[in-house]
């Protein structure tokens, strides 16, 4: 069985589910809790400047966005070419891209 405090808040009674019952504070208790929180120097509300400076966690995760957009394509190369570039160590794909860029640069001037 559940107890309804207001139309949006329903709290399960003890033993009704897997979670223990939650007792909501009365208005007087809520005011006392709020007053105690505001009196705590270490727990002051954030200023508008601090709120504006916040960045969502999603924006901070992962690799930084590059200005140099690259396309994801599936290409088949001969085994010798791939083996050679892989043998040069980490970053072999970037080196392969560099070789192809130089080729395009040289040949686009001749056209």
PDB file of N, CA and C in Angstrom:
ATOM      1  N   UNK A   1       0.845  -1.182   0.000  1.00  0.00           N
ATOM      2  CA  UNK A   1       0.000   0.000   0.000  1.00  0.00           C
ATOM      3  C   UNK A   1       0.883   1.235   0.000  1.00  0.00           C
ATOM      4  N   UNK A   2       0.426   2.294  -0.652  1.00  0.00           N
ATOM      5  CA  UNK A   2       1.200   3.523  -0.744  1.00  0.00           C
ATOM      6  C   UNK A   2       0.468   4.667  -0.081  1.00  0.00           C
ATOM      7  N   UNK A   3       1.234   5.620   0.361  1.00  0.00           N
ATOM      8  CA  UNK A   3       0.684   6.809   0.977  1.00  0.00           C
ATOM      9  C   UNK A   3       0.924   7.978   0.017  1.00  0.00           C
ATOM     10  N   UNK A   4      -0.106   8.773  -0.272  1.00  0.00           N
ATOM     11  CA  UNK A   4       0.044   9.906  -1.174  1.00  0.00           C
ATOM     12  C   UNK A   4       0.155  11.179  -0.357  1.00  0.00           C
ATOM     13  N   UNK A   5       1.268  11.909  -0.549  1.00  0.00           N
ATOM     14  CA  UNK A   5       1.476  13.172   0.161  1.00  0.00           C
ATOM     15  C   UNK A   5       0.866  14.306  -0.645  1.00  0.00           C
ATOM     16  N   UNK A   6       1.186  14.361  -1.906  1.00  0.00           N
ATOM     17  CA  UNK A   6       0.543  15.286  -2.832  1.00  0.00           C
ATOM     18  C   UNK A   6       0.357  14.520  -4.126  1.00  0.00           C
ATOM     19  N   UNK A   7      -0.349  15.055  -5.093  1.00  0.00           N
ATOM     20  CA  UNK A   7      -0.635  14.274  -6.304  1.00  0.00           C
ATOM     21  C   UNK A   7       0.599  13.735  -7.025  1.00  0.00           C
ATOM     22  N   UNK A   8       1.767  14.379  -6.851  1.00  0.00           N
ATOM     23  CA  UNK A   8       2.964  13.953  -7.577  1.00  0.00           C
ATOM     24  C   UNK A   8       3.870  13.037  -6.759  1.00  0.00           C
ATOM     25  N   UNK A   9       3.668  12.941  -5.449  1.00  0.00           N
ATOM     26  CA  UNK A   9       4.576  12.187  -4.592  1.00  0.00           C
ATOM     27  C   UNK A   9       3.861  11.019  -3.929  1.00  0.00           C
ATOM     28  N   UNK A  10       4.307   9.824  -4.225  1.00  0.00           N
ATOM     29  CA  UNK A  10       3.762   8.630  -3.583  1.00  0.00           C
ATOM     30  C   UNK A  10       4.912   7.900  -2.907  1.00  0.00           C
ATOM     31  N   UNK A  11       4.728   7.548  -1.649  1.00  0.00           N
ATOM     32  CA  UNK A  11       5.786   6.905  -0.873  1.00  0.00           C
ATOM     33  C   UNK A  11       5.305   5.530  -0.436  1.00  0.00           C
ATOM     34  N   UNK A  12       6.069   4.464  -0.737  1.00  0.00           N
ATOM     35  CA  UNK A  12       5.635   3.127  -0.320  1.00  0.00           C
ATOM     36  C   UNK A  12       5.710   2.968   1.194  1.00  0.00           C
ATOM     37  N   UNK A  13       4.770   2.246   1.739  1.00  0.00           N
ATOM     38  CA  UNK A  13       4.782   1.938   3.172  1.00  0.00           C
ATOM     39  C   UNK A  13       5.874   0.905   3.432  1.00  0.00           C
ATOM     40  N   UNK A  14       6.305   0.785   4.681  1.00  0.00           N
ATOM     41  CA  UNK A  14       7.320  -0.198   5.040  1.00  0.00           C
ATOM     42  C   UNK A  14       6.821  -1.594   4.697  1.00  0.00           C
ATOM     43  N   UNK A  15       7.644  -2.376   4.048  1.00  0.00           N
ATOM     44  CA  UNK A  15       7.297  -3.740   3.697  1.00  0.00           C
ATOM     45  C   UNK A  15       6.516  -3.858   2.404  1.00  0.00           C
ATOM     46  N   UNK A  16       6.103  -2.743   1.798  1.00  0.00           N
ATOM     47  CA  UNK A  16       5.320  -2.800   0.563  1.00  0.00           C
ATOM     48  C   UNK A  16       6.181  -3.193  -0.623  1.00  0.00           C
ATOM     49  N   UNK A  17       7.447  -2.850  -0.581  1.00  0.00           N
ATOM     50  CA  UNK A  17       8.342  -3.176  -1.679  1.00  0.00           C
ATOM     51  C   UNK A  17       9.698  -3.543  -1.125  1.00  0.00           C
ATOM     52  N   UNK A  18      10.696  -3.503  -1.949  1.00  0.00           N
ATOM     53  CA  UNK A  18      12.040  -3.849  -1.506  1.00  0.00           C
ATOM     54  C   UNK A  18      12.715  -2.695  -0.775  1.00  0.00           C
ATOM     55  N   UNK A  19      12.256  -1.474  -1.034  1.00  0.00           N
ATOM     56  CA  UNK A  19      12.871  -0.318  -0.386  1.00  0.00           C
ATOM     57  C   UNK A  19      12.167  -0.007   0.932  1.00  0.00           C
ATOM     58  N   UNK A  20      12.913   0.522   1.905  1.00  0.00           N
ATOM     59  CA  UNK A  20      12.265   0.916   3.157  1.00  0.00           C
ATOM     60  C   UNK A  20      11.397   2.157   2.929  1.00  0.00           C
ATOM     61  N   UNK A  21      10.451   2.362   3.813  1.00  0.00           N
ATOM     62  CA  UNK A  21       9.572   3.521   3.701  1.00  0.00           C
ATOM     63  C   UNK A  21      10.382   4.802   3.884  1.00  0.00           C
ATOM     64  N   UNK A  22       9.988   5.836   3.180  1.00  0.00           N
ATOM     65  CA  UNK A  22      10.636   7.139   3.290  1.00  0.00           C
ATOM     66  C   UNK A  22       9.674   8.069   4.005  1.00  0.00           C
ATOM     67  N   UNK A  23      10.163   8.723   5.045  1.00  0.00           N
ATOM     68  CA  UNK A  23       9.317   9.667   5.765  1.00  0.00           C
ATOM     69  C   UNK A  23       9.676  11.064   5.306  1.00  0.00           C
ATOM     70  N   UNK A  24       8.721  11.740   4.693  1.00  0.00           N
ATOM     71  CA  UNK A  24       8.940  13.098   4.220  1.00  0.00           C
ATOM     72  C   UNK A  24       8.881  14.045   5.413  1.00  0.00           C
ATOM     73  N   UNK A  25       9.767  15.063   5.433  1.00  0.00           N
ATOM     74  CA  UNK A  25       9.726  16.013   6.552  1.00  0.00           C
ATOM     75  C   UNK A  25       8.465  16.879   6.486  1.00  0.00           C
ATOM     76  N   UNK A  26       8.031  17.303   7.657  1.00  0.00           N
ATOM     77  CA  UNK A  26       6.889  18.223   7.708  1.00  0.00           C
ATOM     78  C   UNK A  26       7.366  19.588   7.212  1.00  0.00           C
ATOM     79  N   UNK A  27       6.438  20.516   7.004  1.00  0.00           N
ATOM     80  CA  UNK A  27       6.829  21.854   6.546  1.00  0.00           C
ATOM     81  C   UNK A  27       7.773  22.521   7.541  1.00  0.00           C
ATOM     82  N   UNK A  28       7.506  22.364   8.846  1.00  0.00           N
ATOM     83  CA  UNK A  28       8.366  22.963   9.869  1.00  0.00           C
ATOM     84  C   UNK A  28       9.763  22.341   9.821  1.00  0.00           C
ATOM     85  N   UNK A  29       9.823  21.001   9.688  1.00  0.00           N
ATOM     86  CA  UNK A  29      11.122  20.325   9.595  1.00  0.00           C
ATOM     87  C   UNK A  29      11.859  20.738   8.322  1.00  0.00           C
ATOM     88  N   UNK A  30      11.127  20.869   7.233  1.00  0.00           N
ATOM     89  CA  UNK A  30      11.735  21.272   5.966  1.00  0.00           C
ATOM     90  C   UNK A  30      12.332  22.674   6.074  1.00  0.00           C
ATOM     91  N   UNK A  31      11.612  23.587   6.734  1.00  0.00           N
ATOM     92  CA  UNK A  31      12.128  24.953   6.922  1.00  0.00           C
ATOM     93  C   UNK A  31      13.389  24.935   7.787  1.00  0.00           C
ATOM     94  N   UNK A  32      13.403  24.096   8.831  1.00  0.00           N
ATOM     95  CA  UNK A  32      14.576  23.993   9.707  1.00  0.00           C
ATOM     96  C   UNK A  32      15.772  23.430   8.941  1.00  0.00           C
ATOM     97  N   UNK A  33      15.538  22.442   8.093  1.00  0.00           N
ATOM     98  CA  UNK A  33      16.614  21.854   7.282  1.00  0.00           C
ATOM     99  C   UNK A  33      17.169  22.895   6.319  1.00  0.00           C
ATOM    100  N   UNK A  34      16.282  23.643   5.669  1.00  0.00           N
ATOM    101  CA  UNK A  34      16.708  24.678   4.720  1.00  0.00           C
ATOM    102  C   UNK A  34      17.496  25.770   5.432  1.00  0.00           C
ATOM    103  N   UNK A  35      17.034  26.203   6.612  1.00  0.00           N
ATOM    104  CA  UNK A  35      17.737  27.242   7.371  1.00  0.00           C
ATOM    105  C   UNK A  35      19.128  26.762   7.779  1.00  0.00           C
ATOM    106  N   UNK A  36      19.237  25.510   8.209  1.00  0.00           N
ATOM    107  CA  UNK A  36      20.540  24.962   8.604  1.00  0.00           C
ATOM    108  C   UNK A  36      21.482  24.891   7.405  1.00  0.00           C
ATOM    109  N   UNK A  37      20.969  24.517   6.248  1.00  0.00           N
ATOM    110  CA  UNK A  37      21.804  24.434   5.045  1.00  0.00           C
ATOM    111  C   UNK A  37      22.290  25.813   4.627  1.00  0.00           C
ATOM    112  N   UNK A  38      21.424  26.818   4.706  1.00  0.00           N
ATOM    113  CA  UNK A  38      21.826  28.181   4.315  1.00  0.00           C
ATOM    114  C   UNK A  38      22.828  28.782   5.295  1.00  0.00           C
ATOM    115  N   UNK A  39      22.794  28.351   6.558  1.00  0.00           N
ATOM    116  CA  UNK A  39      23.722  28.864   7.564  1.00  0.00           C
ATOM    117  C   UNK A  39      25.111  28.241   7.434  1.00  0.00           C
ATOM    118  N   UNK A  40      25.218  27.121   6.752  1.00  0.00           N
ATOM    119  CA  UNK A  40      26.498  26.429   6.576  1.00  0.00           C
ATOM    120  C   UNK A  40      27.343  27.182   5.551  1.00  0.00           C
ATOM    121  N   UNK A  41      28.500  27.711   5.980  1.00  0.00           N
ATOM    122  CA  UNK A  41      29.377  28.490   5.087  1.00  0.00           C
ATOM    123  C   UNK A  41      29.900  27.654   3.922  1.00  0.00           C
ATOM    124  N   UNK A  42      30.053  26.355   4.143  1.00  0.00           N
ATOM    125  CA  UNK A  42      30.597  25.477   3.104  1.00  0.00           C
ATOM    126  C   UNK A  42      29.540  24.985   2.116  1.00  0.00           C
ATOM    127  N   UNK A  43      28.291  25.322   2.356  1.00  0.00           N
ATOM    128  CA  UNK A  43      27.221  24.828   1.480  1.00  0.00           C
ATOM    129  C   UNK A  43      26.335  25.973   1.000  1.00  0.00           C
ATOM    130  N   UNK A  44      26.966  27.032   0.519  1.00  0.00           N
ATOM    131  CA  UNK A  44      26.201  28.180   0.036  1.00  0.00           C
ATOM    132  C   UNK A  44      25.666  27.917  -1.362  1.00  0.00           C
ATOM    133  N   UNK A  45      24.530  28.536  -1.703  1.00  0.00           N
ATOM    134  CA  UNK A  45      23.993  28.355  -3.055  1.00  0.00           C
ATOM    135  C   UNK A  45      24.973  28.882  -4.102  1.00  0.00           C
ATOM    136  N   UNK A  46      24.930  28.307  -5.270  1.00  0.00           N
ATOM    137  CA  UNK A  46      25.810  28.752  -6.351  1.00  0.00           C
ATOM    138  C   UNK A  46      25.355  30.109  -6.864  1.00  0.00           C
ATOM    139  N   UNK A  47      26.328  30.929  -7.236  1.00  0.00           N
ATOM    140  CA  UNK A  47      26.016  32.243  -7.800  1.00  0.00           C
ATOM    141  C   UNK A  47      25.588  32.069  -9.255  1.00  0.00           C
ATOM    142  N   UNK A  48      24.905  33.069  -9.820  1.00  0.00           N
ATOM    143  CA  UNK A  48      24.543  32.975 -11.240  1.00  0.00           C
ATOM    144  C   UNK A  48      25.764  32.776 -12.141  1.00  0.00           C
ATOM    145  N   UNK A  49      26.897  33.403 -11.800  1.00  0.00           N
ATOM    146  CA  UNK A  49      28.119  33.236 -12.604  1.00  0.00           C
ATOM    147  C   UNK A  49      28.611  31.790 -12.545  1.00  0.00           C
ATOM    148  N   UNK A  50      28.546  31.173 -11.361  1.00  0.00           N
ATOM    149  CA  UNK A  50      28.970  29.780 -11.226  1.00  0.00           C
ATOM    150  C   UNK A  50      28.040  28.849 -11.996  1.00  0.00           C
ATOM    151  N   UNK A  51      26.754  29.110 -11.938  1.00  0.00           N
ATOM    152  CA  UNK A  51      25.797  28.288 -12.683  1.00  0.00           C
ATOM    153  C   UNK A  51      26.022  28.411 -14.181  1.00  0.00           C
ATOM    154  N   UNK A  52      26.330  29.632 -14.645  1.00  0.00           N
ATOM    155  CA  UNK A  52      26.557  29.862 -16.072  1.00  0.00           C
ATOM    156  C   UNK A  52      27.828  29.159 -16.554  1.00  0.00           C
ATOM    157  N   UNK A  53      28.832  29.062 -15.672  1.00  0.00           N
ATOM    158  CA  UNK A  53      30.111  28.449 -16.042  1.00  0.00           C
ATOM    159  C   UNK A  53      30.062  26.922 -16.059  1.00  0.00           C
ATOM    160  N   UNK A  54      28.994  26.337 -15.548  1.00  0.00           N
ATOM    161  CA  UNK A  54      28.909  24.871 -15.505  1.00  0.00           C
ATOM    162  C   UNK A  54      28.771  24.288 -16.904  1.00  0.00           C
ATOM    163  N   UNK A  55      29.408  23.137 -17.082  1.00  0.00           N
ATOM    164  CA  UNK A  55      29.374  22.428 -18.360  1.00  0.00           C
ATOM    165  C   UNK A  55      28.818  21.030 -18.093  1.00  0.00           C
ATOM    166  N   UNK A  56      27.873  20.566 -18.908  1.00  0.00           N
ATOM    167  CA  UNK A  56      27.346  19.212 -18.694  1.00  0.00           C
ATOM    168  C   UNK A  56      28.457  18.166 -18.778  1.00  0.00           C
ATOM    169  N   UNK A  57      28.347  17.109 -17.974  1.00  0.00           N
ATOM    170  CA  UNK A  57      29.358  16.048 -17.969  1.00  0.00           C
ATOM    171  C   UNK A  57      29.557  15.452 -19.351  1.00  0.00           C
ATOM    172  N   UNK A  58      28.500  15.325 -20.125  1.00  0.00           N
ATOM    173  CA  UNK A  58      28.621  14.749 -21.458  1.00  0.00           C
ATOM    174  C   UNK A  58      29.593  15.546 -22.312  1.00  0.00           C
ATOM    175  N   UNK A  59      29.625  16.857 -22.120  1.00  0.00           N
ATOM    176  CA  UNK A  59      30.494  17.701 -22.932  1.00  0.00           C
ATOM    177  C   UNK A  59      31.967  17.470 -22.602  1.00  0.00           C
ATOM    178  N   UNK A  60      32.261  16.949 -21.419  1.00  0.00           N
ATOM    179  CA  UNK A  60      33.648  16.763 -20.998  1.00  0.00           C
ATOM    180  C   UNK A  60      34.186  15.375 -21.315  1.00  0.00           C
ATOM    181  N   UNK A  61      33.312  14.436 -21.627  1.00  0.00           N
ATOM    182  CA  UNK A  61      33.749  13.059 -21.833  1.00  0.00           C
ATOM    183  C   UNK A  61      34.266  12.835 -23.238  1.00  0.00           C
ATOM    184  N   UNK A  62      35.148  11.876 -23.354  1.00  0.00           N
ATOM    185  CA  UNK A  62      35.624  11.461 -24.666  1.00  0.00           C
ATOM    186  C   UNK A  62      36.730  12.333 -25.213  1.00  0.00           C
ATOM    187  N   UNK A  63      37.027  12.092 -26.448  1.00  0.00           N
ATOM    188  CA  UNK A  63      38.100  12.787 -27.130  1.00  0.00           C
ATOM    189  C   UNK A  63      37.647  14.190 -27.530  1.00  0.00           C
ATOM    190  N   UNK A  64      38.535  15.198 -27.431  1.00  0.00           N
ATOM    191  CA  UNK A  64      38.139  16.549 -27.844  1.00  0.00           C
ATOM    192  C   UNK A  64      37.775  16.581 -29.326  1.00  0.00           C
ATOM    193  N   UNK A  65      36.805  17.409 -29.667  1.00  0.00           N
ATOM    194  CA  UNK A  65      36.389  17.534 -31.061  1.00  0.00           C
ATOM    195  C   UNK A  65      37.491  18.226 -31.847  1.00  0.00           C
ATOM    196  N   UNK A  66      37.778  17.710 -33.018  1.00  0.00           N
ATOM    197  CA  UNK A  66      38.827  18.254 -33.873  1.00  0.00           C
ATOM    198  C   UNK A  66      38.221  19.188 -34.906  1.00  0.00           C
ATOM    199  N   UNK A  67      38.949  20.255 -35.239  1.00  0.00           N
ATOM    200  CA  UNK A  67      38.520  21.144 -36.316  1.00  0.00           C
ATOM    201  C   UNK A  67      38.724  20.460 -37.661  1.00  0.00           C
ATOM    202  N   UNK A  68      39.661  19.504 -37.695  1.00  0.00           N
ATOM    203  CA  UNK A  68      39.973  18.784 -38.921  1.00  0.00           C
ATOM    204  C   UNK A  68      39.091  17.537 -38.982  1.00  0.00           C
ATOM    205  N   UNK A  69      37.924  17.667 -39.567  1.00  0.00           N
ATOM    206  CA  UNK A  69      36.990  16.543 -39.644  1.00  0.00           C
ATOM    207  C   UNK A  69      37.510  15.495 -40.622  1.00  0.00           C
ATOM    208  N   UNK A  70      37.406  14.252 -40.227  1.00  0.00           N
ATOM    209  CA  UNK A  70      37.823  13.152 -41.093  1.00  0.00           C
ATOM    210  C   UNK A  70      36.625  12.258 -41.350  1.00  0.00           C
ATOM    211  N   UNK A  71      36.656  11.584 -42.471  1.00  0.00           N
ATOM    212  CA  UNK A  71      35.575  10.681 -42.851  1.00  0.00           C
ATOM    213  C   UNK A  71      35.929   9.256 -42.465  1.00  0.00           C
ATOM    214  N   UNK A  72      34.947   8.528 -41.994  1.00  0.00           N
ATOM    215  CA  UNK A  72      35.137   7.117 -41.704  1.00  0.00           C
ATOM    216  C   UNK A  72      34.744   6.342 -42.954  1.00  0.00           C
ATOM    217  N   UNK A  73      35.724   5.650 -43.540  1.00  0.00           N
ATOM    218  CA  UNK A  73      35.474   4.873 -44.755  1.00  0.00           C
ATOM    219  C   UNK A  73      36.072   3.482 -44.587  1.00  0.00           C
ATOM    220  N   UNK A  74      35.599   2.572 -45.374  1.00  0.00           N
ATOM    221  CA  UNK A  74      36.149   1.225 -45.386  1.00  0.00           C
ATOM    222  C   UNK A  74      36.914   1.066 -46.696  1.00  0.00           C
ATOM    223  N   UNK A  75      38.220   0.831 -46.583  1.00  0.00           N
ATOM    224  CA  UNK A  75      39.089   0.733 -47.760  1.00  0.00           C
ATOM    225  C   UNK A  75      39.904  -0.548 -47.650  1.00  0.00           C
ATOM    226  N   UNK A  76      40.182  -1.169 -48.783  1.00  0.00           N
ATOM    227  CA  UNK A  76      41.020  -2.370 -48.790  1.00  0.00           C
ATOM    228  C   UNK A  76      42.397  -2.000 -49.344  1.00  0.00           C
ATOM    229  N   UNK A  77      43.433  -2.307 -48.566  1.00  0.00           N
ATOM    230  CA  UNK A  77      44.816  -2.086 -48.989  1.00  0.00           C
ATOM    231  C   UNK A  77      45.504  -3.436 -49.104  1.00  0.00           C
ATOM    232  N   UNK A  78      46.577  -3.471 -49.857  1.00  0.00           N
ATOM    233  CA  UNK A  78      47.332  -4.723 -49.966  1.00  0.00           C
ATOM    234  C   UNK A  78      47.981  -5.021 -48.612  1.00  0.00           C
ATOM    235  N   UNK A  79      48.131  -6.292 -48.294  1.00  0.00           N
ATOM    236  CA  UNK A  79      48.708  -6.677 -46.999  1.00  0.00           C
ATOM    237  C   UNK A  79      50.092  -6.084 -46.760  1.00  0.00           C
ATOM    238  N   UNK A  80      50.889  -5.942 -47.825  1.00  0.00           N
ATOM    239  CA  UNK A  80      52.244  -5.400 -47.674  1.00  0.00           C
ATOM    240  C   UNK A  80      52.197  -3.948 -47.194  1.00  0.00           C
ATOM    241  N   UNK A  81      51.264  -3.165 -47.747  1.00  0.00           N
ATOM    242  CA  UNK A  81      51.148  -1.751 -47.362  1.00  0.00           C
ATOM    243  C   UNK A  81      50.743  -1.642 -45.897  1.00  0.00           C
ATOM    244  N   UNK A  82      49.737  -2.396 -45.495  1.00  0.00           N
ATOM    245  CA  UNK A  82      49.269  -2.345 -44.111  1.00  0.00           C
ATOM    246  C   UNK A  82      50.363  -2.836 -43.167  1.00  0.00           C
ATOM    247  N   UNK A  83      51.044  -3.928 -43.528  1.00  0.00           N
ATOM    248  CA  UNK A  83      52.116  -4.466 -42.681  1.00  0.00           C
ATOM    249  C   UNK A  83      53.231  -3.443 -42.509  1.00  0.00           C
ATOM    250  N   UNK A  84      53.591  -2.750 -43.592  1.00  0.00           N
ATOM    251  CA  UNK A  84      54.656  -1.749 -43.502  1.00  0.00           C
ATOM    252  C   UNK A  84      54.263  -0.644 -42.526  1.00  0.00           C
ATOM    253  N   UNK A  85      53.086  -0.065 -42.711  1.00  0.00           N
ATOM    254  CA  UNK A  85      52.688   1.049 -41.849  1.00  0.00           C
ATOM    255  C   UNK A  85      52.500   0.600 -40.406  1.00  0.00           C
ATOM    256  N   UNK A  86      51.959  -0.594 -40.190  1.00  0.00           N
ATOM    257  CA  UNK A  86      51.808  -1.097 -38.822  1.00  0.00           C
ATOM    258  C   UNK A  86      53.163  -1.305 -38.160  1.00  0.00           C
ATOM    259  N   UNK A  87      54.163  -1.694 -38.954  1.00  0.00           N
ATOM    260  CA  UNK A  87      55.501  -1.931 -38.396  1.00  0.00           C
ATOM    261  C   UNK A  87      56.157  -0.641 -37.917  1.00  0.00           C
ATOM    262  N   UNK A  88      55.623   0.508 -38.329  1.00  0.00           N
ATOM    263  CA  UNK A  88      56.201   1.790 -37.893  1.00  0.00           C
ATOM    264  C   UNK A  88      55.702   2.195 -36.511  1.00  0.00           C
ATOM    265  N   UNK A  89      54.792   1.416 -35.932  1.00  0.00           N
ATOM    266  CA  UNK A  89      54.352   1.666 -34.557  1.00  0.00           C
ATOM    267  C   UNK A  89      53.050   2.447 -34.459  1.00  0.00           C
ATOM    268  N   UNK A  90      52.778   2.885 -33.218  1.00  0.00           N
ATOM    269  CA  UNK A  90      51.546   3.642 -32.967  1.00  0.00           C
ATOM    270  C   UNK A  90      51.480   4.869 -33.865  1.00  0.00           C
ATOM    271  N   UNK A  91      50.285   5.185 -34.320  1.00  0.00           N
ATOM    272  CA  UNK A  91      50.093   6.320 -35.209  1.00  0.00           C
ATOM    273  C   UNK A  91      50.247   5.968 -36.671  1.00  0.00           C
ATOM    274  N   UNK A  92      50.292   4.671 -36.978  1.00  0.00           N
ATOM    275  CA  UNK A  92      50.520   4.255 -38.367  1.00  0.00           C
ATOM    276  C   UNK A  92      49.406   4.726 -39.289  1.00  0.00           C
ATOM    277  N   UNK A  93      48.178   4.800 -38.793  1.00  0.00           N
ATOM    278  CA  UNK A  93      47.076   5.252 -39.643  1.00  0.00           C
ATOM    279  C   UNK A  93      47.223   6.735 -39.974  1.00  0.00           C
ATOM    280  N   UNK A  94      47.689   7.517 -39.011  1.00  0.00           N
ATOM    281  CA  UNK A  94      47.918   8.948 -39.266  1.00  0.00           C
ATOM    282  C   UNK A  94      49.048   9.135 -40.269  1.00  0.00           C
ATOM    283  N   UNK A  95      50.097   8.306 -40.157  1.00  0.00           N
ATOM    284  CA  UNK A  95      51.190   8.401 -41.131  1.00  0.00           C
ATOM    285  C   UNK A  95      50.707   8.026 -42.529  1.00  0.00           C
ATOM    286  N   UNK A  96      49.859   7.006 -42.610  1.00  0.00           N
ATOM    287  CA  UNK A  96      49.304   6.615 -43.903  1.00  0.00           C
ATOM    288  C   UNK A  96      48.468   7.767 -44.471  1.00  0.00           C
ATOM    289  N   UNK A  97      47.693   8.419 -43.621  1.00  0.00           N
ATOM    290  CA  UNK A  97      46.897   9.567 -44.049  1.00  0.00           C
ATOM    291  C   UNK A  97      47.807  10.686 -44.551  1.00  0.00           C
ATOM    292  N   UNK A  98      48.930  10.904 -43.860  1.00  0.00           N
ATOM    293  CA  UNK A  98      49.881  11.939 -44.282  1.00  0.00           C
ATOM    294  C   UNK A  98      50.458  11.659 -45.659  1.00  0.00           C
ATOM    295  N   UNK A  99      50.809  10.399 -45.907  1.00  0.00           N
ATOM    296  CA  UNK A  99      51.343  10.017 -47.220  1.00  0.00           C
ATOM    297  C   UNK A  99      50.299  10.288 -48.301  1.00  0.00           C
ATOM    298  N   UNK A 100      49.062   9.920 -48.047  1.00  0.00           N
ATOM    299  CA  UNK A 100      47.998  10.143 -49.030  1.00  0.00           C
ATOM    300  C   UNK A 100      47.726  11.637 -49.229  1.00  0.00           C
ATOM    301  N   UNK A 101      47.805  12.415 -48.171  1.00  0.00           N
ATOM    302  CA  UNK A 101      47.609  13.866 -48.305  1.00  0.00           C
ATOM    303  C   UNK A 101      48.703  14.492 -49.162  1.00  0.00           C
ATOM    304  N   UNK A 102      49.951  14.078 -48.935  1.00  0.00           N
ATOM    305  CA  UNK A 102      51.054  14.615 -49.753  1.00  0.00           C
ATOM    306  C   UNK A 102      50.871  14.238 -51.222  1.00  0.00           C
ATOM    307  N   UNK A 103      50.406  13.012 -51.459  1.00  0.00           N
ATOM    308  CA  UNK A 103      50.157  12.565 -52.832  1.00  0.00           C
ATOM    309  C   UNK A 103      49.098  13.459 -53.491  1.00  0.00           C
ATOM    310  N   UNK A 104      48.012  13.699 -52.784  1.00  0.00           N
ATOM    311  CA  UNK A 104      46.931  14.540 -53.322  1.00  0.00           C
ATOM    312  C   UNK A 104      47.445  15.952 -53.571  1.00  0.00           C
ATOM    313  N   UNK A 105      48.224  16.478 -52.642  1.00  0.00           N
ATOM    314  CA  UNK A 105      48.750  17.844 -52.776  1.00  0.00           C
ATOM    315  C   UNK A 105      49.651  17.962 -54.012  1.00  0.00           C
ATOM    316  N   UNK A 106      50.552  16.999 -54.184  1.00  0.00           N
ATOM    317  CA  UNK A 106      51.464  17.034 -55.337  1.00  0.00           C
ATOM    318  C   UNK A 106      50.711  16.904 -56.660  1.00  0.00           C
ATOM    319  N   UNK A 107      49.761  15.998 -56.700  1.00  0.00           N
ATOM    320  CA  UNK A 107      49.071  15.723 -57.959  1.00  0.00           C
ATOM    321  C   UNK A 107      47.979  16.739 -58.284  1.00  0.00           C
ATOM    322  N   UNK A 108      47.472  17.429 -57.292  1.00  0.00           N
ATOM    323  CA  UNK A 108      46.448  18.435 -57.584  1.00  0.00           C
ATOM    324  C   UNK A 108      47.085  19.691 -58.170  1.00  0.00           C
ATOM    325  N   UNK A 109      48.376  19.954 -57.908  1.00  0.00           N
ATOM    326  CA  UNK A 109      49.085  21.105 -58.490  1.00  0.00           C
ATOM    327  C   UNK A 109      49.370  20.876 -59.966  1.00  0.00           C
ATOM    328  N   UNK A 110      49.596  19.619 -60.346  1.00  0.00           N
ATOM    329  CA  UNK A 110      49.939  19.300 -61.732  1.00  0.00           C
ATOM    330  C   UNK A 110      48.724  19.381 -62.649  1.00  0.00           C
ATOM    331  N   UNK A 111      47.549  19.208 -62.116  1.00  0.00           N
ATOM    332  CA  UNK A 111      46.337  19.162 -62.955  1.00  0.00           C
ATOM    333  C   UNK A 111      45.932  20.521 -63.474  1.00  0.00           C
TER     334      UNK A 111
END
